Amino acid sequence: MTAFPSPRVLVVDDDPALRDLLAEYLSANGLEVESVGDGTAMRQAIERHMPDAIVLDLMLPGEDGLSLARELRTHSDVGILMLSARGEEMDRVIGLEVGADDYMPKPFSPRELLARLRALLRRARTTPAGSLQAAPETHCFGPFALDVTAHRLLRDGSEVRITTAEFDLLRVFVERPNRVLSRDNIVDLLKGYDRAPFDRSVDIRVTRLRRKIETNPSQPDYIRTVRGEGYLFNPLGAQVRQ
């Protein structure tokens, strides 16, 4: 039986005690952990080896976590779990807008952080168990193909960079075409991934996803807003306006 390598996690936090605590706890639970204290060290660590997920503190010396998350999203879809000692809603909203997949306020339970990390890593796997025998599962709409088995979004055969959070949301939509889904419906459908919903999180993720698949995100063809009710995914796009 082939042994798969342990998932790699990079912890970026300027608190040495917290870094040591997380490195010890996550390592004891089967993850390979590297910890650094600022953005410069984060870039150096990524150049050596891209991790499978990054735990990124919002308040860092020099460049803050928001600017680093925004930079990461320009070239990578690595899972990002953001931490903040303030825990204010605006921090959460901005963190999600720049591309974080999840957010936890400090102080937090290491056990909960581990659960959320595992959820991120689970969603980011590109080779699910048993996939050698499994038939590919692909949903097509317009020039796009969402390959669930390989965890990829293609446009005319070329891969579109998409985060795990965006992939999860798009999968919810494509598996339920032409149905109005309320925000509560969407949160419930995403709940299996061990994360708590945030105010406005669904709207923020829809906005991010529209930038990837809509010709004009301000006048969407695929993910349409149903005023007062939620969202509807129309796989025919501009061909059919409902």
C-alpha atoms as a PDB file:
ATOM      1  CA  MET A   1       0.000   0.000   0.000  1.00  0.00           C
ATOM      2  CA  THR A   2       1.363   3.431  -0.963  1.00  0.00           C
ATOM      3  CA  ALA A   3       1.932   5.797   1.961  1.00  0.00           C
ATOM      4  CA  PHE A   4       0.879   9.353   1.171  1.00  0.00           C
ATOM      5  CA  PRO A   5       2.997  12.209   2.584  1.00  0.00           C
ATOM      6  CA  SER A   6       1.644  14.186   5.498  1.00  0.00           C
ATOM      7  CA  PRO A   7      -0.050  17.471   4.530  1.00  0.00           C
ATOM      8  CA  ARG A   8       2.264  20.472   4.901  1.00  0.00           C
ATOM      9  CA  VAL A   9       1.055  23.468   6.898  1.00  0.00           C
ATOM     10  CA  LEU A  10       2.832  26.818   7.166  1.00  0.00           C
ATOM     11  CA  VAL A  11       2.042  28.867  10.299  1.00  0.00           C
ATOM     12  CA  VAL A  12       2.738  32.611   9.940  1.00  0.00           C
ATOM     13  CA  ASP A  13       2.457  34.407  13.302  1.00  0.00           C
ATOM     14  CA  ASP A  14       4.750  36.811  15.158  1.00  0.00           C
ATOM     15  CA  ASP A  15       4.033  35.216  18.566  1.00  0.00           C
ATOM     16  CA  PRO A  16       6.802  32.622  19.163  1.00  0.00           C
ATOM     17  CA  ALA A  17       4.869  30.908  21.957  1.00  0.00           C
ATOM     18  CA  LEU A  18       1.817  30.449  19.738  1.00  0.00           C
ATOM     19  CA  ARG A  19       3.943  29.230  16.833  1.00  0.00           C
ATOM     20  CA  ASP A  20       5.583  26.618  19.074  1.00  0.00           C
ATOM     21  CA  LEU A  21       2.220  25.540  20.493  1.00  0.00           C
ATOM     22  CA  LEU A  22       0.656  25.104  17.045  1.00  0.00           C
ATOM     23  CA  ALA A  23       3.711  23.371  15.611  1.00  0.00           C
ATOM     24  CA  GLU A  24       3.726  20.871  18.470  1.00  0.00           C
ATOM     25  CA  TYR A  25      -0.033  20.262  18.438  1.00  0.00           C
ATOM     26  CA  LEU A  26      -0.455  19.999  14.668  1.00  0.00           C
ATOM     27  CA  SER A  27       2.628  17.796  14.303  1.00  0.00           C
ATOM     28  CA  ALA A  28       1.291  15.460  16.993  1.00  0.00           C
ATOM     29  CA  ASN A  29      -1.869  15.142  14.893  1.00  0.00           C
ATOM     30  CA  GLY A  30      -0.222  14.052  11.680  1.00  0.00           C
ATOM     31  CA  LEU A  31       0.617  17.312   9.914  1.00  0.00           C
ATOM     32  CA  GLU A  32       4.030  18.474   8.754  1.00  0.00           C
ATOM     33  CA  VAL A  33       4.446  21.982  10.150  1.00  0.00           C
ATOM     34  CA  GLU A  34       6.795  24.896   9.489  1.00  0.00           C
ATOM     35  CA  SER A  35       6.360  28.168  11.393  1.00  0.00           C
ATOM     36  CA  VAL A  36       7.658  31.660  10.610  1.00  0.00           C
ATOM     37  CA  GLY A  37       7.171  35.134  12.048  1.00  0.00           C
ATOM     38  CA  ASP A  38       6.630  37.538   9.133  1.00  0.00           C
ATOM     39  CA  GLY A  39       5.943  37.964   5.443  1.00  0.00           C
ATOM     40  CA  THR A  40       9.565  37.814   4.322  1.00  0.00           C
ATOM     41  CA  ALA A  41      10.076  34.475   6.066  1.00  0.00           C
ATOM     42  CA  MET A  42       6.756  33.265   4.627  1.00  0.00           C
ATOM     43  CA  ARG A  43       7.937  33.931   1.062  1.00  0.00           C
ATOM     44  CA  GLN A  44      11.220  32.148   1.719  1.00  0.00           C
ATOM     45  CA  ALA A  45       9.366  29.125   3.114  1.00  0.00           C
ATOM     46  CA  ILE A  46       7.038  29.022   0.097  1.00  0.00           C
ATOM     47  CA  GLU A  47       9.986  29.225  -2.311  1.00  0.00           C
ATOM     48  CA  ARG A  48      11.445  26.127  -0.635  1.00  0.00           C
ATOM     49  CA  HIS A  49       8.168  24.202  -0.726  1.00  0.00           C
ATOM     50  CA  MET A  50       4.588  25.321  -1.319  1.00  0.00           C
ATOM     51  CA  PRO A  51       2.474  24.178   1.653  1.00  0.00           C
ATOM     52  CA  ASP A  52      -0.959  22.602   1.367  1.00  0.00           C
ATOM     53  CA  ALA A  53      -2.436  25.209   3.735  1.00  0.00           C
ATOM     54  CA  ILE A  54      -1.329  28.409   5.482  1.00  0.00           C
ATOM     55  CA  VAL A  55      -2.393  29.627   8.932  1.00  0.00           C
ATOM     56  CA  LEU A  56      -1.931  33.385   8.565  1.00  0.00           C
ATOM     57  CA  ASP A  57      -2.142  35.953  11.365  1.00  0.00           C
ATOM     58  CA  LEU A  58      -3.805  39.242  10.482  1.00  0.00           C
ATOM     59  CA  MET A  59      -1.586  41.407  12.706  1.00  0.00           C
ATOM     60  CA  LEU A  60       2.033  40.941  11.641  1.00  0.00           C
ATOM     61  CA  PRO A  61       5.047  43.264  11.831  1.00  0.00           C
ATOM     62  CA  GLY A  62       5.630  45.072   8.541  1.00  0.00           C
ATOM     63  CA  GLU A  63       3.196  43.638   6.007  1.00  0.00           C
ATOM     64  CA  ASP A  64      -0.066  42.525   7.574  1.00  0.00           C
ATOM     65  CA  GLY A  65      -1.935  39.310   6.894  1.00  0.00           C
ATOM     66  CA  LEU A  66      -4.434  40.959   4.554  1.00  0.00           C
ATOM     67  CA  SER A  67      -1.759  42.204   2.150  1.00  0.00           C
ATOM     68  CA  LEU A  68      -0.015  38.818   2.285  1.00  0.00           C
ATOM     69  CA  ALA A  69      -3.266  36.953   1.579  1.00  0.00           C
ATOM     70  CA  ARG A  70      -3.956  39.267  -1.354  1.00  0.00           C
ATOM     71  CA  GLU A  71      -0.450  38.611  -2.693  1.00  0.00           C
ATOM     72  CA  LEU A  72      -0.845  34.840  -2.297  1.00  0.00           C
ATOM     73  CA  ARG A  73      -4.070  34.895  -4.275  1.00  0.00           C
ATOM     74  CA  THR A  74      -2.332  36.461  -7.277  1.00  0.00           C
ATOM     75  CA  HIS A  75      -0.394  33.251  -7.911  1.00  0.00           C
ATOM     76  CA  SER A  76      -1.776  30.447  -5.737  1.00  0.00           C
ATOM     77  CA  ASP A  77      -5.003  28.796  -4.611  1.00  0.00           C
ATOM     78  CA  VAL A  78      -3.405  27.421  -1.424  1.00  0.00           C
ATOM     79  CA  GLY A  79      -5.852  27.114   1.480  1.00  0.00           C
ATOM     80  CA  ILE A  80      -5.655  30.130   3.821  1.00  0.00           C
ATOM     81  CA  LEU A  81      -6.952  30.108   7.395  1.00  0.00           C
ATOM     82  CA  MET A  82      -6.689  33.623   8.810  1.00  0.00           C
ATOM     83  CA  LEU A  83      -6.298  34.466  12.508  1.00  0.00           C
ATOM     84  CA  SER A  84      -6.996  37.758  14.279  1.00  0.00           C
ATOM     85  CA  ALA A  85      -6.811  38.851  17.903  1.00  0.00           C
ATOM     86  CA  ARG A  86      -9.486  41.481  17.282  1.00  0.00           C
ATOM     87  CA  GLY A  87     -12.173  39.228  15.872  1.00  0.00           C
ATOM     88  CA  GLU A  88     -14.152  42.169  14.488  1.00  0.00           C
ATOM     89  CA  GLU A  89     -16.672  41.582  11.711  1.00  0.00           C
ATOM     90  CA  MET A  90     -14.934  44.021   9.362  1.00  0.00           C
ATOM     91  CA  ASP A  91     -11.681  42.094   9.700  1.00  0.00           C
ATOM     92  CA  ARG A  92     -13.522  38.881   8.850  1.00  0.00           C
ATOM     93  CA  VAL A  93     -15.231  40.462   5.858  1.00  0.00           C
ATOM     94  CA  ILE A  94     -12.027  41.952   4.456  1.00  0.00           C
ATOM     95  CA  GLY A  95     -10.158  38.690   5.056  1.00  0.00           C
ATOM     96  CA  LEU A  96     -12.749  36.779   3.049  1.00  0.00           C
ATOM     97  CA  GLU A  97     -12.791  39.423   0.326  1.00  0.00           C
ATOM     98  CA  VAL A  98      -9.041  39.187  -0.269  1.00  0.00           C
ATOM     99  CA  GLY A  99      -9.244  35.419  -0.584  1.00  0.00           C
ATOM    100  CA  ALA A 100      -9.010  33.720   2.818  1.00  0.00           C
ATOM    101  CA  ASP A 101     -10.912  30.420   2.934  1.00  0.00           C
ATOM    102  CA  ASP A 102     -11.701  30.555   6.638  1.00  0.00           C
ATOM    103  CA  TYR A 103     -11.232  32.856   9.634  1.00  0.00           C
ATOM    104  CA  MET A 104     -10.782  32.312  13.376  1.00  0.00           C
ATOM    105  CA  PRO A 105     -10.643  34.930  16.145  1.00  0.00           C
ATOM    106  CA  LYS A 106      -8.050  34.683  18.918  1.00  0.00           C
ATOM    107  CA  PRO A 107      -8.062  33.142  21.433  1.00  0.00           C
ATOM    108  CA  PHE A 108      -9.079  29.854  19.846  1.00  0.00           C
ATOM    109  CA  SER A 109      -9.091  26.159  20.628  1.00  0.00           C
ATOM    110  CA  PRO A 110      -6.208  24.281  18.930  1.00  0.00           C
ATOM    111  CA  ARG A 111      -8.643  21.415  18.481  1.00  0.00           C
ATOM    112  CA  GLU A 112     -11.047  23.618  16.504  1.00  0.00           C
ATOM    113  CA  LEU A 113      -8.192  25.024  14.423  1.00  0.00           C
ATOM    114  CA  LEU A 114      -7.097  21.463  13.613  1.00  0.00           C
ATOM    115  CA  ALA A 115     -10.653  20.567  12.554  1.00  0.00           C
ATOM    116  CA  ARG A 116     -10.868  23.566  10.241  1.00  0.00           C
ATOM    117  CA  LEU A 117      -7.436  22.873   8.779  1.00  0.00           C
ATOM    118  CA  ARG A 118      -8.418  19.292   8.080  1.00  0.00           C
ATOM    119  CA  ALA A 119     -11.559  20.549   6.348  1.00  0.00           C
ATOM    120  CA  LEU A 120      -9.466  22.858   4.147  1.00  0.00           C
ATOM    121  CA  LEU A 121      -7.049  20.071   3.311  1.00  0.00           C
ATOM    122  CA  ARG A 122      -9.868  17.628   2.606  1.00  0.00           C
ATOM    123  CA  ARG A 123     -11.444  19.999   0.101  1.00  0.00           C
ATOM    124  CA  ALA A 124      -8.117  20.735  -1.579  1.00  0.00           C
ATOM    125  CA  ARG A 125      -7.238  17.120  -2.353  1.00  0.00           C
ATOM    126  CA  THR A 126      -6.998  16.489  -6.066  1.00  0.00           C
ATOM    127  CA  THR A 127      -6.925  12.684  -5.830  1.00  0.00           C
ATOM    128  CA  PRO A 128      -9.755  11.436  -3.612  1.00  0.00           C
ATOM    129  CA  ALA A 129      -9.578   7.956  -2.133  1.00  0.00           C
ATOM    130  CA  GLY A 130     -10.852   5.374  -4.611  1.00  0.00           C
ATOM    131  CA  SER A 131     -10.594   7.757  -7.553  1.00  0.00           C
ATOM    132  CA  LEU A 132      -8.796   5.154  -9.699  1.00  0.00           C
ATOM    133  CA  GLN A 133     -12.067   3.264  -9.966  1.00  0.00           C
ATOM    134  CA  ALA A 134     -14.370   6.258  -9.839  1.00  0.00           C
ATOM    135  CA  ALA A 135     -15.776   7.720 -13.027  1.00  0.00           C
ATOM    136  CA  PRO A 136     -15.016  11.414 -13.550  1.00  0.00           C
ATOM    137  CA  GLU A 137     -17.759  13.734 -12.341  1.00  0.00           C
ATOM    138  CA  THR A 138     -17.948  16.837 -14.500  1.00  0.00           C
ATOM    139  CA  HIS A 139     -20.562  19.582 -14.709  1.00  0.00           C
ATOM    140  CA  CYS A 140     -20.517  21.680 -17.892  1.00  0.00           C
ATOM    141  CA  PHE A 141     -21.978  25.146 -18.407  1.00  0.00           C
ATOM    142  CA  GLY A 142     -21.134  27.557 -21.208  1.00  0.00           C
ATOM    143  CA  PRO A 143     -17.376  27.303 -21.922  1.00  0.00           C
ATOM    144  CA  PHE A 144     -16.760  25.926 -18.412  1.00  0.00           C
ATOM    145  CA  ALA A 145     -16.358  22.424 -17.014  1.00  0.00           C
ATOM    146  CA  LEU A 146     -16.218  21.814 -13.266  1.00  0.00           C
ATOM    147  CA  ASP A 147     -14.280  18.583 -12.771  1.00  0.00           C
ATOM    148  CA  VAL A 148     -15.297  17.425  -9.290  1.00  0.00           C
ATOM    149  CA  THR A 149     -13.026  14.374  -9.340  1.00  0.00           C
ATOM    150  CA  ALA A 150      -9.887  16.370 -10.141  1.00  0.00           C
ATOM    151  CA  HIS A 151     -11.071  19.455  -8.208  1.00  0.00           C
ATOM    152  CA  ARG A 152     -10.546  21.747 -11.225  1.00  0.00           C
ATOM    153  CA  LEU A 153     -12.443  24.388 -13.159  1.00  0.00           C
ATOM    154  CA  LEU A 154     -11.706  24.521 -16.902  1.00  0.00           C
ATOM    155  CA  ARG A 155     -12.636  27.155 -19.464  1.00  0.00           C
ATOM    156  CA  ASP A 156     -12.346  25.925 -23.043  1.00  0.00           C
ATOM    157  CA  GLY A 157      -9.918  23.294 -21.787  1.00  0.00           C
ATOM    158  CA  SER A 158      -7.656  25.716 -19.896  1.00  0.00           C
ATOM    159  CA  GLU A 159      -7.575  25.637 -16.117  1.00  0.00           C
ATOM    160  CA  VAL A 160      -9.079  28.566 -14.193  1.00  0.00           C
ATOM    161  CA  ARG A 161      -7.392  29.253 -10.864  1.00  0.00           C
ATOM    162  CA  ILE A 162      -9.988  28.810  -8.140  1.00  0.00           C
ATOM    163  CA  THR A 163      -9.755  28.618  -4.365  1.00  0.00           C
ATOM    164  CA  THR A 164     -11.218  25.749  -2.360  1.00  0.00           C
ATOM    165  CA  ALA A 165     -13.938  28.039  -0.981  1.00  0.00           C
ATOM    166  CA  GLU A 166     -14.885  29.153  -4.502  1.00  0.00           C
ATOM    167  CA  PHE A 167     -14.846  25.548  -5.738  1.00  0.00           C
ATOM    168  CA  ASP A 168     -17.152  24.433  -2.900  1.00  0.00           C
ATOM    169  CA  LEU A 169     -19.623  27.224  -3.622  1.00  0.00           C
ATOM    170  CA  LEU A 170     -19.630  26.608  -7.370  1.00  0.00           C
ATOM    171  CA  ARG A 171     -20.221  22.910  -6.765  1.00  0.00           C
ATOM    172  CA  VAL A 172     -23.255  23.749  -4.604  1.00  0.00           C
ATOM    173  CA  PHE A 173     -24.666  25.790  -7.494  1.00  0.00           C
ATOM    174  CA  VAL A 174     -23.927  23.446 -10.410  1.00  0.00           C
ATOM    175  CA  GLU A 175     -25.408  20.476  -8.571  1.00  0.00           C
ATOM    176  CA  ARG A 176     -28.668  22.409  -8.051  1.00  0.00           C
ATOM    177  CA  PRO A 177     -29.335  24.267 -11.326  1.00  0.00           C
ATOM    178  CA  ASN A 178     -32.368  26.510 -11.805  1.00  0.00           C
ATOM    179  CA  ARG A 179     -33.226  26.425  -8.093  1.00  0.00           C
ATOM    180  CA  VAL A 180     -33.392  29.446  -5.842  1.00  0.00           C
ATOM    181  CA  LEU A 181     -31.047  28.898  -2.902  1.00  0.00           C
ATOM    182  CA  SER A 182     -31.340  31.184   0.079  1.00  0.00           C
ATOM    183  CA  ARG A 183     -28.220  32.236   1.958  1.00  0.00           C
ATOM    184  CA  ASP A 184     -29.255  29.904   4.786  1.00  0.00           C
ATOM    185  CA  ASN A 185     -29.617  27.035   2.283  1.00  0.00           C
ATOM    186  CA  ILE A 186     -26.112  27.670   0.996  1.00  0.00           C
ATOM    187  CA  VAL A 187     -24.602  27.872   4.480  1.00  0.00           C
ATOM    188  CA  ASP A 188     -26.304  24.580   5.393  1.00  0.00           C
ATOM    189  CA  LEU A 189     -24.962  22.911   2.253  1.00  0.00           C
ATOM    190  CA  LEU A 190     -21.436  24.082   3.100  1.00  0.00           C
ATOM    191  CA  LYS A 191     -21.685  23.160   6.789  1.00  0.00           C
ATOM    192  CA  GLY A 192     -20.232  19.708   6.288  1.00  0.00           C
ATOM    193  CA  TYR A 193     -16.836  21.346   5.969  1.00  0.00           C
ATOM    194  CA  ASP A 194     -16.504  22.115   9.694  1.00  0.00           C
ATOM    195  CA  ARG A 195     -16.715  25.865   9.450  1.00  0.00           C
ATOM    196  CA  ALA A 196     -18.958  28.451  11.011  1.00  0.00           C
ATOM    197  CA  PRO A 197     -20.752  30.906   8.718  1.00  0.00           C
ATOM    198  CA  PHE A 198     -19.987  34.608   8.958  1.00  0.00           C
ATOM    199  CA  ASP A 199     -22.228  37.569   8.261  1.00  0.00           C
ATOM    200  CA  ARG A 200     -22.042  38.385   4.538  1.00  0.00           C
ATOM    201  CA  SER A 201     -19.737  35.424   3.865  1.00  0.00           C
ATOM    202  CA  VAL A 202     -22.013  33.928   1.197  1.00  0.00           C
ATOM    203  CA  ASP A 203     -22.373  37.264  -0.625  1.00  0.00           C
ATOM    204  CA  ILE A 204     -18.611  37.819  -0.542  1.00  0.00           C
ATOM    205  CA  ARG A 205     -17.919  34.365  -1.944  1.00  0.00           C
ATOM    206  CA  VAL A 206     -20.528  34.836  -4.672  1.00  0.00           C
ATOM    207  CA  THR A 207     -18.839  38.110  -5.653  1.00  0.00           C
ATOM    208  CA  ARG A 208     -15.441  36.401  -5.831  1.00  0.00           C
ATOM    209  CA  LEU A 209     -16.835  33.519  -7.853  1.00  0.00           C
ATOM    210  CA  ARG A 210     -18.590  35.805 -10.323  1.00  0.00           C
ATOM    211  CA  ARG A 211     -15.243  37.430 -11.107  1.00  0.00           C
ATOM    212  CA  LYS A 212     -14.013  34.012 -12.253  1.00  0.00           C
ATOM    213  CA  ILE A 213     -16.933  32.895 -14.433  1.00  0.00           C
ATOM    214  CA  GLU A 214     -19.004  35.911 -15.509  1.00  0.00           C
ATOM    215  CA  THR A 215     -18.262  38.062 -18.554  1.00  0.00           C
ATOM    216  CA  ASN A 216     -19.668  41.028 -16.657  1.00  0.00           C
ATOM    217  CA  PRO A 217     -19.772  40.310 -12.889  1.00  0.00           C
ATOM    218  CA  SER A 218     -22.060  43.298 -12.285  1.00  0.00           C
ATOM    219  CA  GLN A 219     -24.621  41.778 -14.705  1.00  0.00           C
ATOM    220  CA  PRO A 220     -24.183  38.039 -14.080  1.00  0.00           C
ATOM    221  CA  ASP A 221     -25.519  35.422 -16.468  1.00  0.00           C
ATOM    222  CA  TYR A 222     -24.830  32.260 -14.475  1.00  0.00           C
ATOM    223  CA  ILE A 223     -25.199  33.150 -10.772  1.00  0.00           C
ATOM    224  CA  ARG A 224     -28.200  35.425 -10.611  1.00  0.00           C
ATOM    225  CA  THR A 225     -29.537  37.296  -7.621  1.00  0.00           C
ATOM    226  CA  VAL A 226     -33.200  36.699  -6.812  1.00  0.00           C
ATOM    227  CA  ARG A 227     -34.137  39.775  -4.830  1.00  0.00           C
ATOM    228  CA  GLY A 228     -35.280  38.993  -1.296  1.00  0.00           C
ATOM    229  CA  GLU A 229     -34.735  35.241  -1.756  1.00  0.00           C
ATOM    230  CA  GLY A 230     -31.127  34.373  -2.594  1.00  0.00           C
ATOM    231  CA  TYR A 231     -29.312  33.104  -5.683  1.00  0.00           C
ATOM    232  CA  LEU A 232     -30.152  30.976  -8.710  1.00  0.00           C
ATOM    233  CA  PHE A 233     -27.623  29.176 -10.931  1.00  0.00           C
ATOM    234  CA  ASN A 234     -28.606  29.168 -14.604  1.00  0.00           C
ATOM    235  CA  PRO A 235     -26.299  26.796 -16.543  1.00  0.00           C
ATOM    236  CA  LEU A 236     -27.416  28.256 -19.881  1.00  0.00           C
ATOM    237  CA  GLY A 237     -26.032  31.657 -18.942  1.00  0.00           C
ATOM    238  CA  ALA A 238     -26.858  34.447 -21.355  1.00  0.00           C
ATOM    239  CA  GLN A 239     -28.862  32.067 -23.566  1.00  0.00           C
ATOM    240  CA  VAL A 240     -31.742  32.106 -21.082  1.00  0.00           C
ATOM    241  CA  ARG A 241     -32.687  35.001 -18.841  1.00  0.00           C
ATOM    242  CA  GLN A 242     -35.147  34.120 -16.080  1.00  0.00           C
END
